[in-house]
């Protein structure tokens, strides 16, 4: 609908870090939330958020 994808094209989604801080109320991704991206006739990508590992 917006552009033609060619072999080798990359598809990126998302926003820069900190964008949630400008919303009212503020909104950030949390551990165990799932981000789902779907492209018709291609498929669906699901990513579950996890807590950042803490080095000790």
PDB file of N, CA and C in Angstrom:
ATOM      1  N   UNK A   1       0.810  -1.200   0.000  1.00  0.00           N
ATOM      2  CA  UNK A   1       0.000   0.000   0.000  1.00  0.00           C
ATOM      3  C   UNK A   1       0.850   1.259   0.000  1.00  0.00           C
ATOM      4  N   UNK A   2       2.045   1.156   0.575  1.00  0.00           N
ATOM      5  CA  UNK A   2       2.874   2.353   0.688  1.00  0.00           C
ATOM      6  C   UNK A   2       4.126   2.295  -0.182  1.00  0.00           C
ATOM      7  N   UNK A   3       4.683   1.093  -0.339  1.00  0.00           N
ATOM      8  CA  UNK A   3       5.887   0.954  -1.165  1.00  0.00           C
ATOM      9  C   UNK A   3       6.042  -0.506  -1.569  1.00  0.00           C
ATOM     10  N   UNK A   4       6.863  -0.734  -2.552  1.00  0.00           N
ATOM     11  CA  UNK A   4       7.141  -2.088  -3.008  1.00  0.00           C
ATOM     12  C   UNK A   4       8.412  -2.580  -2.346  1.00  0.00           C
ATOM     13  N   UNK A   5       8.344  -3.760  -1.729  1.00  0.00           N
ATOM     14  CA  UNK A   5       9.530  -4.353  -1.115  1.00  0.00           C
ATOM     15  C   UNK A   5      10.271  -5.178  -2.151  1.00  0.00           C
ATOM     16  N   UNK A   6      11.561  -5.057  -2.143  1.00  0.00           N
ATOM     17  CA  UNK A   6      12.418  -5.805  -3.056  1.00  0.00           C
ATOM     18  C   UNK A   6      13.238  -6.809  -2.249  1.00  0.00           C
ATOM     19  N   UNK A   7      13.712  -7.904  -2.883  1.00  0.00           N
ATOM     20  CA  UNK A   7      14.556  -8.857  -2.164  1.00  0.00           C
ATOM     21  C   UNK A   7      15.732  -8.136  -1.505  1.00  0.00           C
ATOM     22  N   UNK A   8      15.951  -8.451  -0.236  1.00  0.00           N
ATOM     23  CA  UNK A   8      17.046  -7.831   0.501  1.00  0.00           C
ATOM     24  C   UNK A   8      16.644  -6.597   1.288  1.00  0.00           C
ATOM     25  N   UNK A   9      15.434  -6.073   1.045  1.00  0.00           N
ATOM     26  CA  UNK A   9      14.971  -4.916   1.814  1.00  0.00           C
ATOM     27  C   UNK A   9      14.815  -5.300   3.284  1.00  0.00           C
ATOM     28  N   UNK A  10      15.086  -4.360   4.173  1.00  0.00           N
ATOM     29  CA  UNK A  10      14.919  -4.566   5.609  1.00  0.00           C
ATOM     30  C   UNK A  10      13.732  -3.746   6.091  1.00  0.00           C
ATOM     31  N   UNK A  11      13.002  -4.295   7.041  1.00  0.00           N
ATOM     32  CA  UNK A  11      11.854  -3.605   7.612  1.00  0.00           C
ATOM     33  C   UNK A  11      12.149  -3.369   9.086  1.00  0.00           C
ATOM     34  N   UNK A  12      12.146  -2.118   9.495  1.00  0.00           N
ATOM     35  CA  UNK A  12      12.386  -1.770  10.889  1.00  0.00           C
ATOM     36  C   UNK A  12      11.125  -1.145  11.464  1.00  0.00           C
ATOM     37  N   UNK A  13      10.845  -1.450  12.719  1.00  0.00           N
ATOM     38  CA  UNK A  13       9.715  -0.835  13.406  1.00  0.00           C
ATOM     39  C   UNK A  13      10.183  -0.315  14.748  1.00  0.00           C
ATOM     40  N   UNK A  14       9.432   0.579  15.299  1.00  0.00           N
ATOM     41  CA  UNK A  14       9.761   1.067  16.627  1.00  0.00           C
ATOM     42  C   UNK A  14      10.031   2.555  16.633  1.00  0.00           C
ATOM     43  N   UNK A  15      10.397   3.035  17.794  1.00  0.00           N
ATOM     44  CA  UNK A  15      10.680   4.449  17.991  1.00  0.00           C
ATOM     45  C   UNK A  15      11.950   4.586  18.814  1.00  0.00           C
ATOM     46  N   UNK A  16      12.567   5.749  18.807  1.00  0.00           N
ATOM     47  CA  UNK A  16      13.762   5.953  19.625  1.00  0.00           C
ATOM     48  C   UNK A  16      13.437   5.823  21.111  1.00  0.00           C
ATOM     49  N   UNK A  17      14.430   5.483  21.910  1.00  0.00           N
ATOM     50  CA  UNK A  17      14.204   5.372  23.351  1.00  0.00           C
ATOM     51  C   UNK A  17      13.767   6.714  23.921  1.00  0.00           C
ATOM     52  N   UNK A  18      12.927   6.664  24.933  1.00  0.00           N
ATOM     53  CA  UNK A  18      12.469   7.879  25.597  1.00  0.00           C
ATOM     54  C   UNK A  18      11.193   8.473  25.045  1.00  0.00           C
ATOM     55  N   UNK A  19      10.664   7.933  23.945  1.00  0.00           N
ATOM     56  CA  UNK A  19       9.449   8.495  23.355  1.00  0.00           C
ATOM     57  C   UNK A  19       8.263   8.358  24.311  1.00  0.00           C
ATOM     58  N   UNK A  20       8.236   7.283  25.095  1.00  0.00           N
ATOM     59  CA  UNK A  20       7.138   7.083  26.042  1.00  0.00           C
ATOM     60  C   UNK A  20       7.059   8.160  27.101  1.00  0.00           C
ATOM     61  N   UNK A  21       8.172   8.841  27.360  1.00  0.00           N
ATOM     62  CA  UNK A  21       8.184   9.869  28.408  1.00  0.00           C
ATOM     63  C   UNK A  21       7.414  11.119  28.001  1.00  0.00           C
ATOM     64  N   UNK A  22       7.122  11.276  26.710  1.00  0.00           N
ATOM     65  CA  UNK A  22       6.388  12.463  26.258  1.00  0.00           C
ATOM     66  C   UNK A  22       4.877  12.239  26.238  1.00  0.00           C
ATOM     67  N   UNK A  23       4.444  10.999  26.491  1.00  0.00           N
ATOM     68  CA  UNK A  23       3.005  10.705  26.518  1.00  0.00           C
ATOM     69  C   UNK A  23       2.412  11.100  27.859  1.00  0.00           C
ATOM     70  N   UNK A  24       1.114  11.325  27.878  1.00  0.00           N
ATOM     71  CA  UNK A  24       0.450  11.649  29.123  1.00  0.00           C
ATOM     72  C   UNK A  24      -0.758  10.743  29.276  1.00  0.00           C
ATOM     73  N   UNK A  25      -0.741   9.745  30.152  1.00  0.00           N
ATOM     74  CA  UNK A  25       0.334   9.440  31.091  1.00  0.00           C
ATOM     75  C   UNK A  25       1.510   8.779  30.379  1.00  0.00           C
ATOM     76  N   UNK A  26       2.665   8.799  31.023  1.00  0.00           N
ATOM     77  CA  UNK A  26       3.867   8.188  30.441  1.00  0.00           C
ATOM     78  C   UNK A  26       3.631   6.704  30.224  1.00  0.00           C
ATOM     79  N   UNK A  27       4.207   6.166  29.147  1.00  0.00           N
ATOM     80  CA  UNK A  27       4.000   4.750  28.801  1.00  0.00           C
ATOM     81  C   UNK A  27       5.310   4.149  28.346  1.00  0.00           C
ATOM     82  N   UNK A  28       5.733   3.093  29.020  1.00  0.00           N
ATOM     83  CA  UNK A  28       6.960   2.389  28.669  1.00  0.00           C
ATOM     84  C   UNK A  28       6.653   0.901  28.537  1.00  0.00           C
ATOM     85  N   UNK A  29       7.431   0.196  27.734  1.00  0.00           N
ATOM     86  CA  UNK A  29       7.285  -1.253  27.649  1.00  0.00           C
ATOM     87  C   UNK A  29       7.712  -1.864  28.973  1.00  0.00           C
ATOM     88  N   UNK A  30       7.032  -2.942  29.349  1.00  0.00           N
ATOM     89  CA  UNK A  30       7.337  -3.623  30.608  1.00  0.00           C
ATOM     90  C   UNK A  30       7.660  -5.080  30.329  1.00  0.00           C
ATOM     91  N   UNK A  31       8.361  -5.682  31.282  1.00  0.00           N
ATOM     92  CA  UNK A  31       8.700  -7.102  31.166  1.00  0.00           C
ATOM     93  C   UNK A  31       7.426  -7.911  30.949  1.00  0.00           C
ATOM     94  N   UNK A  32       7.497  -8.870  30.053  1.00  0.00           N
ATOM     95  CA  UNK A  32       6.439  -9.813  29.704  1.00  0.00           C
ATOM     96  C   UNK A  32       5.391  -9.239  28.749  1.00  0.00           C
ATOM     97  N   UNK A  33       5.498  -7.967  28.334  1.00  0.00           N
ATOM     98  CA  UNK A  33       4.613  -7.457  27.290  1.00  0.00           C
ATOM     99  C   UNK A  33       5.090  -8.003  25.943  1.00  0.00           C
ATOM    100  N   UNK A  34       4.189  -8.093  24.988  1.00  0.00           N
ATOM    101  CA  UNK A  34       4.519  -8.643  23.677  1.00  0.00           C
ATOM    102  C   UNK A  34       4.270  -7.598  22.593  1.00  0.00           C
ATOM    103  N   UNK A  35       5.238  -7.455  21.697  1.00  0.00           N
ATOM    104  CA  UNK A  35       5.098  -6.580  20.535  1.00  0.00           C
ATOM    105  C   UNK A  35       4.838  -7.482  19.338  1.00  0.00           C
ATOM    106  N   UNK A  36       3.772  -7.202  18.594  1.00  0.00           N
ATOM    107  CA  UNK A  36       3.400  -8.027  17.447  1.00  0.00           C
ATOM    108  C   UNK A  36       3.396  -7.149  16.203  1.00  0.00           C
ATOM    109  N   UNK A  37       4.164  -7.554  15.185  1.00  0.00           N
ATOM    110  CA  UNK A  37       4.211  -6.847  13.901  1.00  0.00           C
ATOM    111  C   UNK A  37       3.788  -7.821  12.811  1.00  0.00           C
ATOM    112  N   UNK A  38       2.827  -7.414  11.980  1.00  0.00           N
ATOM    113  CA  UNK A  38       2.315  -8.292  10.935  1.00  0.00           C
ATOM    114  C   UNK A  38       2.388  -7.599   9.582  1.00  0.00           C
ATOM    115  N   UNK A  39       2.826  -8.339   8.579  1.00  0.00           N
ATOM    116  CA  UNK A  39       2.802  -7.874   7.197  1.00  0.00           C
ATOM    117  C   UNK A  39       1.969  -8.886   6.417  1.00  0.00           C
ATOM    118  N   UNK A  40       0.895  -8.404   5.808  1.00  0.00           N
ATOM    119  CA  UNK A  40       0.001  -9.291   5.070  1.00  0.00           C
ATOM    120  C   UNK A  40       0.771 -10.099   4.035  1.00  0.00           C
ATOM    121  N   UNK A  41       0.428 -11.367   3.927  1.00  0.00           N
ATOM    122  CA  UNK A  41       1.001 -12.309   2.969  1.00  0.00           C
ATOM    123  C   UNK A  41       2.480 -12.592   3.215  1.00  0.00           C
ATOM    124  N   UNK A  42       3.049 -12.059   4.287  1.00  0.00           N
ATOM    125  CA  UNK A  42       4.440 -12.370   4.630  1.00  0.00           C
ATOM    126  C   UNK A  42       4.491 -13.108   5.955  1.00  0.00           C
ATOM    127  N   UNK A  43       3.874 -12.541   6.976  1.00  0.00           N
ATOM    128  CA  UNK A  43       3.869 -13.223   8.260  1.00  0.00           C
ATOM    129  C   UNK A  43       3.825 -12.269   9.436  1.00  0.00           C
ATOM    130  N   UNK A  44       3.974 -12.856  10.610  1.00  0.00           N
ATOM    131  CA  UNK A  44       3.893 -12.118  11.866  1.00  0.00           C
ATOM    132  C   UNK A  44       5.152 -12.357  12.678  1.00  0.00           C
ATOM    133  N   UNK A  45       5.652 -11.294  13.289  1.00  0.00           N
ATOM    134  CA  UNK A  45       6.819 -11.358  14.163  1.00  0.00           C
ATOM    135  C   UNK A  45       6.359 -10.979  15.559  1.00  0.00           C
ATOM    136  N   UNK A  46       6.646 -11.840  16.534  1.00  0.00           N
ATOM    137  CA  UNK A  46       6.265 -11.583  17.928  1.00  0.00           C
ATOM    138  C   UNK A  46       7.528 -11.503  18.777  1.00  0.00           C
ATOM    139  N   UNK A  47       7.618 -10.447  19.579  1.00  0.00           N
ATOM    140  CA  UNK A  47       8.754 -10.275  20.484  1.00  0.00           C
ATOM    141  C   UNK A  47       8.233  -9.997  21.883  1.00  0.00           C
ATOM    142  N   UNK A  48       8.679 -10.800  22.842  1.00  0.00           N
ATOM    143  CA  UNK A  48       8.288 -10.609  24.234  1.00  0.00           C
ATOM    144  C   UNK A  48       9.370  -9.807  24.941  1.00  0.00           C
ATOM    145  N   UNK A  49       8.964  -8.797  25.692  1.00  0.00           N
ATOM    146  CA  UNK A  49       9.906  -7.962  26.443  1.00  0.00           C
ATOM    147  C   UNK A  49      10.395  -8.717  27.674  1.00  0.00           C
ATOM    148  N   UNK A  50      11.661  -8.567  27.985  1.00  0.00           N
ATOM    149  CA  UNK A  50      12.249  -9.157  29.189  1.00  0.00           C
ATOM    150  C   UNK A  50      12.987  -8.069  29.949  1.00  0.00           C
ATOM    151  N   UNK A  51      13.193  -8.298  31.233  1.00  0.00           N
ATOM    152  CA  UNK A  51      13.951  -7.344  32.039  1.00  0.00           C
ATOM    153  C   UNK A  51      15.404  -7.368  31.616  1.00  0.00           C
ATOM    154  N   UNK A  52      16.047  -6.210  31.684  1.00  0.00           N
ATOM    155  CA  UNK A  52      17.460  -6.117  31.345  1.00  0.00           C
ATOM    156  C   UNK A  52      18.279  -6.855  32.396  1.00  0.00           C
ATOM    157  N   UNK A  53      19.239  -7.646  31.944  1.00  0.00           N
ATOM    158  CA  UNK A  53      20.112  -8.369  32.870  1.00  0.00           C
ATOM    159  C   UNK A  53      20.999  -7.380  33.614  1.00  0.00           C
ATOM    160  N   UNK A  54      21.234  -7.656  34.880  1.00  0.00           N
ATOM    161  CA  UNK A  54      22.086  -6.798  35.697  1.00  0.00           C
ATOM    162  C   UNK A  54      23.409  -7.515  35.923  1.00  0.00           C
ATOM    163  N   UNK A  55      24.515  -6.856  35.536  1.00  0.00           N
ATOM    164  CA  UNK A  55      25.833  -7.452  35.757  1.00  0.00           C
ATOM    165  C   UNK A  55      26.203  -7.337  37.222  1.00  0.00           C
ATOM    166  N   UNK A  56      26.837  -8.375  37.734  1.00  0.00           N
ATOM    167  CA  UNK A  56      27.283  -8.362  39.143  1.00  0.00           C
ATOM    168  C   UNK A  56      28.761  -8.594  39.220  1.00  0.00           C
TER     169      UNK A  56
END
